[in-house]
């Protein structure tokens, strides 16, 4: 029996969310990073009424007098498992295509509103990394998922765009720090999140053959609810057995469509035991 796919896009303006689902022709793509780099998303929606299209274009325009952040939510799943949220971010662009088939393209970045907030913060002579991470999460309006070994940080100070604190947190603590949807995640560098493992093989949704990379592996598979950014990937490859092993996902691309073929994750993962260097560029720079 066919397990139908589900796609839901939400656009929030002034706290009111308007939802568009798989009844529309929707295409979604993006990338998420287990680092201070901003996550990206682009959606294209066809079959909107002129009234709805004009509403979105007007409210999300950079020239709109309403300067509050306009947020984009993307939920994807299947009928058997339900929906799960794969992206939350602020809209940076909305634009119509050319006639006769007018589609609307919307682009968004995670944490983009915080990128424009200039703040100054200073800490105690010595304080736990977890306490600093909690303040950073509060500044960004995020929940905190702290999974790293706690340590004392001396004389924490910061001034600049609020989002850049994520990069400073990563460098100061020697950890992986990143924004995933509505959560600031802090974990030990190069290690997977506990209890978040995707077991992947040709029998469990893998598409094509995994590719070897400098850090580990790149592999595509059907979108599911087991896979998370920063989670573990337990790969079993019959065609390339040298790549069989355990990995940590550091980049997670997604592509899905309500009326077309794509419905894939593309994960890039580092072999467990490999410790990547810290990010060299600050978010929001």
C-alpha atoms as a PDB file:
ATOM      1  CA  UNK A   1       0.000   0.000   0.000  1.00  0.00           C
ATOM      2  CA  UNK A   2       1.328   3.443  -0.955  1.00  0.00           C
ATOM      3  CA  UNK A   3       2.482   5.508   2.018  1.00  0.00           C
ATOM      4  CA  UNK A   4       1.600   8.993   0.772  1.00  0.00           C
ATOM      5  CA  UNK A   5       3.980  11.873   1.491  1.00  0.00           C
ATOM      6  CA  UNK A   6       2.999  14.939   3.485  1.00  0.00           C
ATOM      7  CA  UNK A   7       4.395  18.472   3.081  1.00  0.00           C
ATOM      8  CA  UNK A   8       3.315  21.492   5.076  1.00  0.00           C
ATOM      9  CA  UNK A   9       4.671  25.025   4.774  1.00  0.00           C
ATOM     10  CA  UNK A  10       3.817  27.672   7.352  1.00  0.00           C
ATOM     11  CA  UNK A  11       4.400  31.418   6.964  1.00  0.00           C
ATOM     12  CA  UNK A  12       4.184  33.491  10.145  1.00  0.00           C
ATOM     13  CA  UNK A  13       3.420  37.211  10.101  1.00  0.00           C
ATOM     14  CA  UNK A  14       2.823  39.038  13.416  1.00  0.00           C
ATOM     15  CA  UNK A  15       2.239  35.744  15.238  1.00  0.00           C
ATOM     16  CA  UNK A  16      -0.361  34.497  12.731  1.00  0.00           C
ATOM     17  CA  UNK A  17       0.635  31.389  10.771  1.00  0.00           C
ATOM     18  CA  UNK A  18      -0.901  30.615   7.388  1.00  0.00           C
ATOM     19  CA  UNK A  19      -0.417  26.983   6.313  1.00  0.00           C
ATOM     20  CA  UNK A  20      -0.081  25.531   2.808  1.00  0.00           C
ATOM     21  CA  UNK A  21      -0.022  21.745   2.423  1.00  0.00           C
ATOM     22  CA  UNK A  22       0.360  19.033  -0.203  1.00  0.00           C
ATOM     23  CA  UNK A  23      -2.884  20.171  -1.875  1.00  0.00           C
ATOM     24  CA  UNK A  24      -0.603  22.754  -3.500  1.00  0.00           C
ATOM     25  CA  UNK A  25       2.283  22.081  -5.861  1.00  0.00           C
ATOM     26  CA  UNK A  26       5.196  22.589  -3.421  1.00  0.00           C
ATOM     27  CA  UNK A  27       8.935  22.078  -3.924  1.00  0.00           C
ATOM     28  CA  UNK A  28      11.309  22.364  -0.961  1.00  0.00           C
ATOM     29  CA  UNK A  29      15.102  22.249  -0.759  1.00  0.00           C
ATOM     30  CA  UNK A  30      17.740  23.353   1.714  1.00  0.00           C
ATOM     31  CA  UNK A  31      20.820  22.581   3.789  1.00  0.00           C
ATOM     32  CA  UNK A  32      21.451  22.370   7.532  1.00  0.00           C
ATOM     33  CA  UNK A  33      24.893  22.619   9.155  1.00  0.00           C
ATOM     34  CA  UNK A  34      26.207  21.363  12.507  1.00  0.00           C
ATOM     35  CA  UNK A  35      28.260  24.547  12.826  1.00  0.00           C
ATOM     36  CA  UNK A  36      27.708  28.284  13.170  1.00  0.00           C
ATOM     37  CA  UNK A  37      26.810  28.512   9.467  1.00  0.00           C
ATOM     38  CA  UNK A  38      23.174  29.485   8.865  1.00  0.00           C
ATOM     39  CA  UNK A  39      20.775  26.814   7.603  1.00  0.00           C
ATOM     40  CA  UNK A  40      19.104  27.588   4.272  1.00  0.00           C
ATOM     41  CA  UNK A  41      15.745  26.774   2.712  1.00  0.00           C
ATOM     42  CA  UNK A  42      14.027  27.572  -0.568  1.00  0.00           C
ATOM     43  CA  UNK A  43      10.418  26.703  -1.367  1.00  0.00           C
ATOM     44  CA  UNK A  44       8.410  27.143  -4.548  1.00  0.00           C
ATOM     45  CA  UNK A  45       4.603  27.082  -4.354  1.00  0.00           C
ATOM     46  CA  UNK A  46       2.322  26.976  -7.380  1.00  0.00           C
ATOM     47  CA  UNK A  47      -1.494  27.122  -7.620  1.00  0.00           C
ATOM     48  CA  UNK A  48      -1.836  29.982  -5.141  1.00  0.00           C
ATOM     49  CA  UNK A  49      -4.645  32.446  -5.668  1.00  0.00           C
ATOM     50  CA  UNK A  50      -3.650  35.965  -6.694  1.00  0.00           C
ATOM     51  CA  UNK A  51      -4.887  37.242  -3.330  1.00  0.00           C
ATOM     52  CA  UNK A  52      -2.724  34.801  -1.368  1.00  0.00           C
ATOM     53  CA  UNK A  53       0.307  35.441  -3.553  1.00  0.00           C
ATOM     54  CA  UNK A  54       0.000  39.195  -3.169  1.00  0.00           C
ATOM     55  CA  UNK A  55      -0.419  38.852   0.600  1.00  0.00           C
ATOM     56  CA  UNK A  56       2.827  36.878   0.933  1.00  0.00           C
ATOM     57  CA  UNK A  57       4.753  39.180  -1.410  1.00  0.00           C
ATOM     58  CA  UNK A  58       3.555  42.280   0.438  1.00  0.00           C
ATOM     59  CA  UNK A  59       4.110  41.040   3.992  1.00  0.00           C
ATOM     60  CA  UNK A  60       7.559  39.553   3.347  1.00  0.00           C
ATOM     61  CA  UNK A  61       8.891  42.436   1.284  1.00  0.00           C
ATOM     62  CA  UNK A  62      12.026  44.115   2.715  1.00  0.00           C
ATOM     63  CA  UNK A  63      10.268  47.426   2.042  1.00  0.00           C
ATOM     64  CA  UNK A  64       7.316  46.581   4.278  1.00  0.00           C
ATOM     65  CA  UNK A  65       7.022  49.020   7.198  1.00  0.00           C
ATOM     66  CA  UNK A  66       6.422  46.061   9.521  1.00  0.00           C
ATOM     67  CA  UNK A  67       9.998  45.166  10.541  1.00  0.00           C
ATOM     68  CA  UNK A  68       9.135  42.164  12.716  1.00  0.00           C
ATOM     69  CA  UNK A  69      10.649  38.866  11.510  1.00  0.00           C
ATOM     70  CA  UNK A  70       8.567  36.861   9.009  1.00  0.00           C
ATOM     71  CA  UNK A  71       9.162  33.193   9.722  1.00  0.00           C
ATOM     72  CA  UNK A  72       9.038  30.099   7.542  1.00  0.00           C
ATOM     73  CA  UNK A  73       8.240  26.611   8.874  1.00  0.00           C
ATOM     74  CA  UNK A  74       8.600  23.398   6.871  1.00  0.00           C
ATOM     75  CA  UNK A  75       7.155  20.055   8.026  1.00  0.00           C
ATOM     76  CA  UNK A  76       7.608  16.846   6.034  1.00  0.00           C
ATOM     77  CA  UNK A  77       6.547  13.252   6.603  1.00  0.00           C
ATOM     78  CA  UNK A  78       4.323  10.405   5.504  1.00  0.00           C
ATOM     79  CA  UNK A  79       0.804   9.347   6.353  1.00  0.00           C
ATOM     80  CA  UNK A  80       2.032   6.373   8.415  1.00  0.00           C
ATOM     81  CA  UNK A  81       4.422   8.413  10.585  1.00  0.00           C
ATOM     82  CA  UNK A  82       3.001  11.924  10.520  1.00  0.00           C
ATOM     83  CA  UNK A  83       4.849  15.189  10.056  1.00  0.00           C
ATOM     84  CA  UNK A  84       8.134  16.316  11.586  1.00  0.00           C
ATOM     85  CA  UNK A  85       9.659  19.786  11.427  1.00  0.00           C
ATOM     86  CA  UNK A  86      12.792  20.024   9.277  1.00  0.00           C
ATOM     87  CA  UNK A  87      13.282  23.793   9.011  1.00  0.00           C
ATOM     88  CA  UNK A  88      12.530  27.027  10.873  1.00  0.00           C
ATOM     89  CA  UNK A  89      13.953  30.343   9.728  1.00  0.00           C
ATOM     90  CA  UNK A  90      13.324  33.946   8.765  1.00  0.00           C
ATOM     91  CA  UNK A  91      12.231  34.850   5.241  1.00  0.00           C
ATOM     92  CA  UNK A  92      14.845  36.831   3.305  1.00  0.00           C
ATOM     93  CA  UNK A  93      13.250  36.871  -0.157  1.00  0.00           C
ATOM     94  CA  UNK A  94       9.935  36.205  -1.888  1.00  0.00           C
ATOM     95  CA  UNK A  95       9.531  36.576  -5.629  1.00  0.00           C
ATOM     96  CA  UNK A  96       7.026  35.491  -8.309  1.00  0.00           C
ATOM     97  CA  UNK A  97       7.945  33.637 -11.483  1.00  0.00           C
ATOM     98  CA  UNK A  98       7.033  34.847 -14.950  1.00  0.00           C
ATOM     99  CA  UNK A  99       3.523  34.193 -16.403  1.00  0.00           C
ATOM    100  CA  UNK A 100       1.613  32.209 -17.472  1.00  0.00           C
ATOM    101  CA  UNK A 101       2.199  29.668 -14.658  1.00  0.00           C
ATOM    102  CA  UNK A 102       2.971  31.985 -11.759  1.00  0.00           C
ATOM    103  CA  UNK A 103       4.794  30.292  -8.913  1.00  0.00           C
ATOM    104  CA  UNK A 104       6.078  31.917  -5.745  1.00  0.00           C
ATOM    105  CA  UNK A 105       9.646  31.321  -4.538  1.00  0.00           C
ATOM    106  CA  UNK A 106      10.523  31.994  -0.895  1.00  0.00           C
ATOM    107  CA  UNK A 107      14.002  31.821   0.637  1.00  0.00           C
ATOM    108  CA  UNK A 108      14.832  31.759   4.331  1.00  0.00           C
ATOM    109  CA  UNK A 109      17.816  31.546   6.686  1.00  0.00           C
ATOM    110  CA  UNK A 110      17.952  30.242  10.232  1.00  0.00           C
ATOM    111  CA  UNK A 111      18.627  32.960  12.810  1.00  0.00           C
ATOM    112  CA  UNK A 112      18.652  35.741  10.249  1.00  0.00           C
ATOM    113  CA  UNK A 113      16.781  38.220  12.465  1.00  0.00           C
ATOM    114  CA  UNK A 114      19.333  37.729  15.266  1.00  0.00           C
ATOM    115  CA  UNK A 115      22.068  38.454  12.740  1.00  0.00           C
ATOM    116  CA  UNK A 116      20.970  42.101  12.810  1.00  0.00           C
ATOM    117  CA  UNK A 117      20.708  42.454  16.593  1.00  0.00           C
ATOM    118  CA  UNK A 118      23.819  44.111  18.047  1.00  0.00           C
ATOM    119  CA  UNK A 119      24.465  43.179  21.676  1.00  0.00           C
ATOM    120  CA  UNK A 120      27.216  43.251  24.306  1.00  0.00           C
ATOM    121  CA  UNK A 121      27.650  40.521  26.942  1.00  0.00           C
ATOM    122  CA  UNK A 122      30.235  39.769  29.638  1.00  0.00           C
ATOM    123  CA  UNK A 123      30.565  36.862  32.021  1.00  0.00           C
ATOM    124  CA  UNK A 124      32.122  35.992  35.341  1.00  0.00           C
ATOM    125  CA  UNK A 125      35.767  35.258  35.993  1.00  0.00           C
ATOM    126  CA  UNK A 126      34.880  31.564  35.818  1.00  0.00           C
ATOM    127  CA  UNK A 127      31.512  30.038  34.891  1.00  0.00           C
ATOM    128  CA  UNK A 128      30.191  26.825  33.320  1.00  0.00           C
ATOM    129  CA  UNK A 129      29.920  26.566  29.548  1.00  0.00           C
ATOM    130  CA  UNK A 130      26.332  25.401  30.041  1.00  0.00           C
ATOM    131  CA  UNK A 131      25.437  28.706  31.747  1.00  0.00           C
ATOM    132  CA  UNK A 132      26.936  30.714  28.893  1.00  0.00           C
ATOM    133  CA  UNK A 133      25.102  28.537  26.361  1.00  0.00           C
ATOM    134  CA  UNK A 134      21.825  29.158  28.203  1.00  0.00           C
ATOM    135  CA  UNK A 135      22.311  32.930  27.895  1.00  0.00           C
ATOM    136  CA  UNK A 136      23.182  32.640  24.209  1.00  0.00           C
ATOM    137  CA  UNK A 137      20.038  30.583  23.608  1.00  0.00           C
ATOM    138  CA  UNK A 138      17.961  33.205  25.444  1.00  0.00           C
ATOM    139  CA  UNK A 139      19.474  36.010  23.341  1.00  0.00           C
ATOM    140  CA  UNK A 140      18.504  34.105  20.194  1.00  0.00           C
ATOM    141  CA  UNK A 141      15.037  33.138  21.421  1.00  0.00           C
ATOM    142  CA  UNK A 142      15.883  29.434  21.222  1.00  0.00           C
ATOM    143  CA  UNK A 143      15.585  26.346  23.376  1.00  0.00           C
ATOM    144  CA  UNK A 144      18.885  24.838  24.554  1.00  0.00           C
ATOM    145  CA  UNK A 145      19.923  21.226  24.044  1.00  0.00           C
ATOM    146  CA  UNK A 146      23.236  20.978  25.921  1.00  0.00           C
ATOM    147  CA  UNK A 147      24.896  17.577  25.344  1.00  0.00           C
ATOM    148  CA  UNK A 148      28.583  18.450  25.851  1.00  0.00           C
ATOM    149  CA  UNK A 149      30.846  17.717  28.785  1.00  0.00           C
ATOM    150  CA  UNK A 150      30.558  20.874  30.894  1.00  0.00           C
ATOM    151  CA  UNK A 151      33.685  22.924  31.580  1.00  0.00           C
ATOM    152  CA  UNK A 152      34.680  26.213  33.165  1.00  0.00           C
ATOM    153  CA  UNK A 153      35.136  29.205  30.839  1.00  0.00           C
ATOM    154  CA  UNK A 154      37.059  32.254  31.992  1.00  0.00           C
ATOM    155  CA  UNK A 155      36.111  35.887  31.316  1.00  0.00           C
ATOM    156  CA  UNK A 156      33.541  35.312  28.580  1.00  0.00           C
ATOM    157  CA  UNK A 157      32.798  38.534  26.711  1.00  0.00           C
ATOM    158  CA  UNK A 158      31.111  39.337  23.437  1.00  0.00           C
ATOM    159  CA  UNK A 159      29.951  42.322  21.411  1.00  0.00           C
ATOM    160  CA  UNK A 160      28.473  42.266  17.923  1.00  0.00           C
ATOM    161  CA  UNK A 161      25.628  40.540  16.055  1.00  0.00           C
ATOM    162  CA  UNK A 162      23.761  38.204  18.429  1.00  0.00           C
ATOM    163  CA  UNK A 163      23.973  35.246  16.044  1.00  0.00           C
ATOM    164  CA  UNK A 164      27.783  35.382  16.030  1.00  0.00           C
ATOM    165  CA  UNK A 165      27.741  34.181  19.649  1.00  0.00           C
ATOM    166  CA  UNK A 166      27.173  30.666  18.307  1.00  0.00           C
ATOM    167  CA  UNK A 167      30.580  30.687  16.659  1.00  0.00           C
ATOM    168  CA  UNK A 168      32.242  32.198  19.759  1.00  0.00           C
ATOM    169  CA  UNK A 169      30.600  29.547  21.931  1.00  0.00           C
ATOM    170  CA  UNK A 170      32.018  26.828  19.674  1.00  0.00           C
ATOM    171  CA  UNK A 171      35.530  28.274  19.805  1.00  0.00           C
ATOM    172  CA  UNK A 172      35.548  29.011  23.538  1.00  0.00           C
ATOM    173  CA  UNK A 173      34.219  25.612  24.552  1.00  0.00           C
ATOM    174  CA  UNK A 174      35.893  23.428  21.941  1.00  0.00           C
ATOM    175  CA  UNK A 175      32.455  22.020  21.072  1.00  0.00           C
ATOM    176  CA  UNK A 176      30.029  21.779  18.171  1.00  0.00           C
ATOM    177  CA  UNK A 177      27.485  24.588  18.568  1.00  0.00           C
ATOM    178  CA  UNK A 178      24.737  25.154  16.015  1.00  0.00           C
ATOM    179  CA  UNK A 179      21.132  26.230  15.518  1.00  0.00           C
ATOM    180  CA  UNK A 180      18.769  23.460  14.419  1.00  0.00           C
ATOM    181  CA  UNK A 181      15.278  24.837  13.814  1.00  0.00           C
ATOM    182  CA  UNK A 182      14.212  26.378  17.171  1.00  0.00           C
ATOM    183  CA  UNK A 183      17.026  24.849  19.236  1.00  0.00           C
ATOM    184  CA  UNK A 184      20.611  25.766  20.050  1.00  0.00           C
ATOM    185  CA  UNK A 185      22.511  22.472  20.163  1.00  0.00           C
ATOM    186  CA  UNK A 186      25.836  22.160  21.989  1.00  0.00           C
ATOM    187  CA  UNK A 187      27.622  18.809  21.864  1.00  0.00           C
ATOM    188  CA  UNK A 188      31.118  17.378  22.117  1.00  0.00           C
ATOM    189  CA  UNK A 189      33.057  18.057  18.941  1.00  0.00           C
ATOM    190  CA  UNK A 190      32.860  15.361  16.313  1.00  0.00           C
ATOM    191  CA  UNK A 191      30.657  13.010  18.371  1.00  0.00           C
ATOM    192  CA  UNK A 192      27.011  12.167  17.622  1.00  0.00           C
ATOM    193  CA  UNK A 193      24.007  13.127  19.686  1.00  0.00           C
ATOM    194  CA  UNK A 194      23.109  10.253  22.022  1.00  0.00           C
ATOM    195  CA  UNK A 195      20.128   8.048  21.202  1.00  0.00           C
ATOM    196  CA  UNK A 196      19.708   9.590  17.737  1.00  0.00           C
ATOM    197  CA  UNK A 197      20.905   6.918  15.302  1.00  0.00           C
ATOM    198  CA  UNK A 198      19.877   6.299  11.705  1.00  0.00           C
ATOM    199  CA  UNK A 199      20.631   2.751  10.530  1.00  0.00           C
ATOM    200  CA  UNK A 200      21.004   2.955   6.754  1.00  0.00           C
ATOM    201  CA  UNK A 201      21.371   0.311   4.063  1.00  0.00           C
ATOM    202  CA  UNK A 202      19.959  -0.451   0.621  1.00  0.00           C
ATOM    203  CA  UNK A 203      17.037  -2.150   2.413  1.00  0.00           C
ATOM    204  CA  UNK A 204      16.196   0.867   4.564  1.00  0.00           C
ATOM    205  CA  UNK A 205      15.880   3.696   2.062  1.00  0.00           C
ATOM    206  CA  UNK A 206      19.383   4.387   0.732  1.00  0.00           C
ATOM    207  CA  UNK A 207      19.365   5.951  -2.745  1.00  0.00           C
ATOM    208  CA  UNK A 208      22.271   5.101  -5.024  1.00  0.00           C
ATOM    209  CA  UNK A 209      25.760   4.355  -3.708  1.00  0.00           C
ATOM    210  CA  UNK A 210      27.466   6.227  -0.847  1.00  0.00           C
ATOM    211  CA  UNK A 211      30.441   8.408  -1.811  1.00  0.00           C
ATOM    212  CA  UNK A 212      33.710   8.641   0.091  1.00  0.00           C
ATOM    213  CA  UNK A 213      34.714  12.170   1.184  1.00  0.00           C
ATOM    214  CA  UNK A 214      37.700  13.704   2.960  1.00  0.00           C
ATOM    215  CA  UNK A 215      35.862  13.538   6.295  1.00  0.00           C
ATOM    216  CA  UNK A 216      33.861  10.360   5.786  1.00  0.00           C
ATOM    217  CA  UNK A 217      30.863   9.812   3.550  1.00  0.00           C
ATOM    218  CA  UNK A 218      28.087  11.466   1.554  1.00  0.00           C
ATOM    219  CA  UNK A 219      24.894   9.502   1.053  1.00  0.00           C
ATOM    220  CA  UNK A 220      21.294  10.080  -0.060  1.00  0.00           C
ATOM    221  CA  UNK A 221      18.221   8.357   1.332  1.00  0.00           C
ATOM    222  CA  UNK A 222      14.473   8.817   1.695  1.00  0.00           C
ATOM    223  CA  UNK A 223      13.314  11.420   4.207  1.00  0.00           C
ATOM    224  CA  UNK A 224      12.405   9.863   7.550  1.00  0.00           C
ATOM    225  CA  UNK A 225      11.956  10.873  11.189  1.00  0.00           C
ATOM    226  CA  UNK A 226      15.007   9.009  12.544  1.00  0.00           C
ATOM    227  CA  UNK A 227      17.586  11.323  10.982  1.00  0.00           C
ATOM    228  CA  UNK A 228      18.709  14.505  12.745  1.00  0.00           C
ATOM    229  CA  UNK A 229      21.521  16.973  12.230  1.00  0.00           C
ATOM    230  CA  UNK A 230      24.384  15.970  14.521  1.00  0.00           C
ATOM    231  CA  UNK A 231      22.969  12.488  14.966  1.00  0.00           C
ATOM    232  CA  UNK A 232      24.664   9.157  14.342  1.00  0.00           C
ATOM    233  CA  UNK A 233      24.626   7.377  10.993  1.00  0.00           C
ATOM    234  CA  UNK A 234      25.215   3.629  11.041  1.00  0.00           C
ATOM    235  CA  UNK A 235      25.964   2.829   7.405  1.00  0.00           C
ATOM    236  CA  UNK A 236      25.906  -0.606   5.805  1.00  0.00           C
ATOM    237  CA  UNK A 237      27.069  -0.642   2.178  1.00  0.00           C
ATOM    238  CA  UNK A 238      27.176  -3.800   0.075  1.00  0.00           C
ATOM    239  CA  UNK A 239      28.574  -2.106  -3.052  1.00  0.00           C
ATOM    240  CA  UNK A 240      31.236  -0.137  -1.155  1.00  0.00           C
ATOM    241  CA  UNK A 241      31.915  -2.133   2.031  1.00  0.00           C
ATOM    242  CA  UNK A 242      34.938   0.031   2.912  1.00  0.00           C
ATOM    243  CA  UNK A 243      32.441   2.762   3.849  1.00  0.00           C
ATOM    244  CA  UNK A 244      30.476   0.554   6.214  1.00  0.00           C
ATOM    245  CA  UNK A 245      30.785   1.989   9.703  1.00  0.00           C
ATOM    246  CA  UNK A 246      29.602   4.605  12.193  1.00  0.00           C
ATOM    247  CA  UNK A 247      29.482   8.313  11.407  1.00  0.00           C
ATOM    248  CA  UNK A 248      28.297  11.682  12.743  1.00  0.00           C
ATOM    249  CA  UNK A 249      26.108  13.830  10.457  1.00  0.00           C
ATOM    250  CA  UNK A 250      27.564  17.348  10.119  1.00  0.00           C
ATOM    251  CA  UNK A 251      25.581  18.507   7.073  1.00  0.00           C
ATOM    252  CA  UNK A 252      22.060  17.522   6.109  1.00  0.00           C
ATOM    253  CA  UNK A 253      20.520  18.547   2.793  1.00  0.00           C
ATOM    254  CA  UNK A 254      16.882  17.991   1.976  1.00  0.00           C
ATOM    255  CA  UNK A 255      14.808  18.018  -1.203  1.00  0.00           C
ATOM    256  CA  UNK A 256      11.112  17.192  -1.425  1.00  0.00           C
ATOM    257  CA  UNK A 257       8.142  17.849  -3.682  1.00  0.00           C
ATOM    258  CA  UNK A 258       4.434  17.221  -3.325  1.00  0.00           C
ATOM    259  CA  UNK A 259       3.941  16.305  -6.997  1.00  0.00           C
ATOM    260  CA  UNK A 260       7.380  15.252  -8.181  1.00  0.00           C
ATOM    261  CA  UNK A 261       9.970  12.547  -7.490  1.00  0.00           C
ATOM    262  CA  UNK A 262      12.365  14.125  -4.935  1.00  0.00           C
ATOM    263  CA  UNK A 263      11.876  13.154  -1.292  1.00  0.00           C
ATOM    264  CA  UNK A 264      15.449  12.793  -0.062  1.00  0.00           C
ATOM    265  CA  UNK A 265      17.924  13.596   2.659  1.00  0.00           C
ATOM    266  CA  UNK A 266      21.538  14.034   1.550  1.00  0.00           C
ATOM    267  CA  UNK A 267      23.771  13.536   4.565  1.00  0.00           C
ATOM    268  CA  UNK A 268      27.451  14.352   4.822  1.00  0.00           C
ATOM    269  CA  UNK A 269      28.983  12.630   7.820  1.00  0.00           C
ATOM    270  CA  UNK A 270      32.395  12.307   9.435  1.00  0.00           C
ATOM    271  CA  UNK A 271      33.772   8.939  10.456  1.00  0.00           C
ATOM    272  CA  UNK A 272      33.480   8.544  14.221  1.00  0.00           C
ATOM    273  CA  UNK A 273      36.858   9.204  15.796  1.00  0.00           C
ATOM    274  CA  UNK A 274      37.621  12.008  13.318  1.00  0.00           C
ATOM    275  CA  UNK A 275      37.568  15.425  15.029  1.00  0.00           C
ATOM    276  CA  UNK A 276      37.001  18.334  12.620  1.00  0.00           C
ATOM    277  CA  UNK A 277      38.653  21.693  13.302  1.00  0.00           C
ATOM    278  CA  UNK A 278      36.458  24.455  14.777  1.00  0.00           C
ATOM    279  CA  UNK A 279      34.653  26.869  12.468  1.00  0.00           C
ATOM    280  CA  UNK A 280      36.940  29.661  11.293  1.00  0.00           C
ATOM    281  CA  UNK A 281      34.209  32.113  10.294  1.00  0.00           C
ATOM    282  CA  UNK A 282      31.730  33.715  12.655  1.00  0.00           C
ATOM    283  CA  UNK A 283      28.048  33.466  11.889  1.00  0.00           C
ATOM    284  CA  UNK A 284      26.537  36.772  10.942  1.00  0.00           C
ATOM    285  CA  UNK A 285      29.838  38.212   9.798  1.00  0.00           C
END
